[in-house]
Amino acid sequence: MTTTALKKLLINRIAEINDVSFLNAIKTILDTKTQTQVLSLTPEQRLEIIESQKEIESGLFVEQAELDKEFNKWLNEK
């Protein structure tokens, strides 16, 4: 069953429930999975992110696949 199909099934099943206690229990479970966490960054961290974004836009980065090749090459030389 796909995620979308399962969601639709659950929505339909929940719509049929009239037990407030049970619905509150489901709400509690859902609240623990859907709470968004707010990440607090220091000014230094924010600046580092901005600088990193500028470097990426300028092409100053190495893709993971290329880094893996270099790392494996280095390992094989030993």
C-alpha atoms as a PDB file:
ATOM      1  CA  MET A   1       0.000   0.000   0.000  1.00  0.00           C
ATOM      2  CA  THR A   2       1.370   3.386  -0.946  1.00  0.00           C
ATOM      3  CA  THR A   3       1.753   6.216   1.532  1.00  0.00           C
ATOM      4  CA  THR A   4      -0.996   8.186  -0.196  1.00  0.00           C
ATOM      5  CA  ALA A   5      -3.395   5.237  -0.160  1.00  0.00           C
ATOM      6  CA  LEU A   6      -2.666   4.573   3.507  1.00  0.00           C
ATOM      7  CA  LYS A   7      -3.285   8.236   4.393  1.00  0.00           C
ATOM      8  CA  LYS A   8      -6.629   8.189   2.582  1.00  0.00           C
ATOM      9  CA  LEU A   9      -7.621   4.963   4.343  1.00  0.00           C
ATOM     10  CA  LEU A  10      -6.720   6.395   7.744  1.00  0.00           C
ATOM     11  CA  ILE A  11      -8.564   9.644   7.069  1.00  0.00           C
ATOM     12  CA  ASN A  12     -11.698   7.714   6.130  1.00  0.00           C
ATOM     13  CA  ARG A  13     -11.432   5.419   9.150  1.00  0.00           C
ATOM     14  CA  ILE A  14     -10.863   8.330  11.545  1.00  0.00           C
ATOM     15  CA  ALA A  15     -13.875  10.137  10.080  1.00  0.00           C
ATOM     16  CA  GLU A  16     -16.049   7.195  11.200  1.00  0.00           C
ATOM     17  CA  ILE A  17     -14.893   7.357  14.853  1.00  0.00           C
ATOM     18  CA  ASN A  18     -17.055   9.206  17.376  1.00  0.00           C
ATOM     19  CA  ASP A  19     -15.154   8.273  20.562  1.00  0.00           C
ATOM     20  CA  VAL A  20     -13.630  11.550  21.797  1.00  0.00           C
ATOM     21  CA  SER A  21     -11.093   9.804  24.044  1.00  0.00           C
ATOM     22  CA  PHE A  22      -9.854   7.676  21.170  1.00  0.00           C
ATOM     23  CA  LEU A  23      -9.684  10.677  18.839  1.00  0.00           C
ATOM     24  CA  ASN A  24      -7.685  12.591  21.454  1.00  0.00           C
ATOM     25  CA  ALA A  25      -5.289   9.648  21.703  1.00  0.00           C
ATOM     26  CA  ILE A  26      -4.820   9.687  17.936  1.00  0.00           C
ATOM     27  CA  LYS A  27      -4.293  13.444  18.065  1.00  0.00           C
ATOM     28  CA  THR A  28      -1.577  13.001  20.698  1.00  0.00           C
ATOM     29  CA  ILE A  29       0.208  10.449  18.519  1.00  0.00           C
ATOM     30  CA  LEU A  30      -0.047  12.696  15.466  1.00  0.00           C
ATOM     31  CA  ASP A  31       1.138  15.739  17.407  1.00  0.00           C
ATOM     32  CA  THR A  32       4.362  13.959  18.351  1.00  0.00           C
ATOM     33  CA  LYS A  33       5.079  13.177  14.693  1.00  0.00           C
ATOM     34  CA  THR A  34       4.144  16.538  13.198  1.00  0.00           C
ATOM     35  CA  GLN A  35       5.646  18.988  15.654  1.00  0.00           C
ATOM     36  CA  THR A  36       8.030  21.274  13.904  1.00  0.00           C
ATOM     37  CA  GLN A  37      11.227  22.051  15.668  1.00  0.00           C
ATOM     38  CA  VAL A  38      12.565  25.548  15.533  1.00  0.00           C
ATOM     39  CA  LEU A  39      16.298  25.545  15.118  1.00  0.00           C
ATOM     40  CA  SER A  40      17.974  28.503  16.762  1.00  0.00           C
ATOM     41  CA  LEU A  41      21.176  29.561  15.081  1.00  0.00           C
ATOM     42  CA  THR A  42      23.837  31.865  16.395  1.00  0.00           C
ATOM     43  CA  PRO A  43      24.767  34.884  14.292  1.00  0.00           C
ATOM     44  CA  GLU A  44      28.026  33.126  13.434  1.00  0.00           C
ATOM     45  CA  GLN A  45      26.156  30.044  12.200  1.00  0.00           C
ATOM     46  CA  ARG A  46      23.844  32.185  10.082  1.00  0.00           C
ATOM     47  CA  LEU A  47      26.841  33.958   8.550  1.00  0.00           C
ATOM     48  CA  GLU A  48      28.523  30.619   7.806  1.00  0.00           C
ATOM     49  CA  ILE A  49      25.384  29.379   6.023  1.00  0.00           C
ATOM     50  CA  ILE A  50      25.171  32.546   3.946  1.00  0.00           C
ATOM     51  CA  GLU A  51      28.852  32.268   3.004  1.00  0.00           C
ATOM     52  CA  SER A  52      28.379  28.594   2.090  1.00  0.00           C
ATOM     53  CA  GLN A  53      25.421  29.450  -0.136  1.00  0.00           C
ATOM     54  CA  LYS A  54      27.530  32.075  -1.920  1.00  0.00           C
ATOM     55  CA  GLU A  55      30.309  29.516  -2.465  1.00  0.00           C
ATOM     56  CA  ILE A  56      27.828  27.025  -3.921  1.00  0.00           C
ATOM     57  CA  GLU A  57      26.410  29.675  -6.252  1.00  0.00           C
ATOM     58  CA  SER A  58      29.967  30.437  -7.400  1.00  0.00           C
ATOM     59  CA  GLY A  59      30.655  26.768  -8.077  1.00  0.00           C
ATOM     60  CA  LEU A  60      33.119  26.435  -5.203  1.00  0.00           C
ATOM     61  CA  PHE A  61      32.117  22.971  -4.068  1.00  0.00           C
ATOM     62  CA  VAL A  62      32.899  19.313  -4.666  1.00  0.00           C
ATOM     63  CA  GLU A  63      30.116  16.830  -5.314  1.00  0.00           C
ATOM     64  CA  GLN A  64      29.979  13.775  -3.076  1.00  0.00           C
ATOM     65  CA  ALA A  65      30.675  11.336  -5.935  1.00  0.00           C
ATOM     66  CA  GLU A  66      33.873  13.215  -6.854  1.00  0.00           C
ATOM     67  CA  LEU A  67      34.935  13.341  -3.219  1.00  0.00           C
ATOM     68  CA  ASP A  68      34.344   9.591  -2.923  1.00  0.00           C
ATOM     69  CA  LYS A  69      36.564   8.984  -5.974  1.00  0.00           C
ATOM     70  CA  GLU A  70      39.349  11.098  -4.498  1.00  0.00           C
ATOM     71  CA  PHE A  71      39.032   9.382  -1.137  1.00  0.00           C
ATOM     72  CA  ASN A  72      39.158   5.910  -2.705  1.00  0.00           C
ATOM     73  CA  LYS A  73      42.158   6.937  -4.793  1.00  0.00           C
ATOM     74  CA  TRP A  74      43.903   8.127  -1.641  1.00  0.00           C
ATOM     75  CA  LEU A  75      43.071   4.860   0.165  1.00  0.00           C
ATOM     76  CA  ASN A  76      44.394   2.736  -2.705  1.00  0.00           C
ATOM     77  CA  GLU A  77      47.715   4.597  -2.719  1.00  0.00           C
ATOM     78  CA  LYS A  78      48.470   3.492   0.825  1.00  0.00           C
END
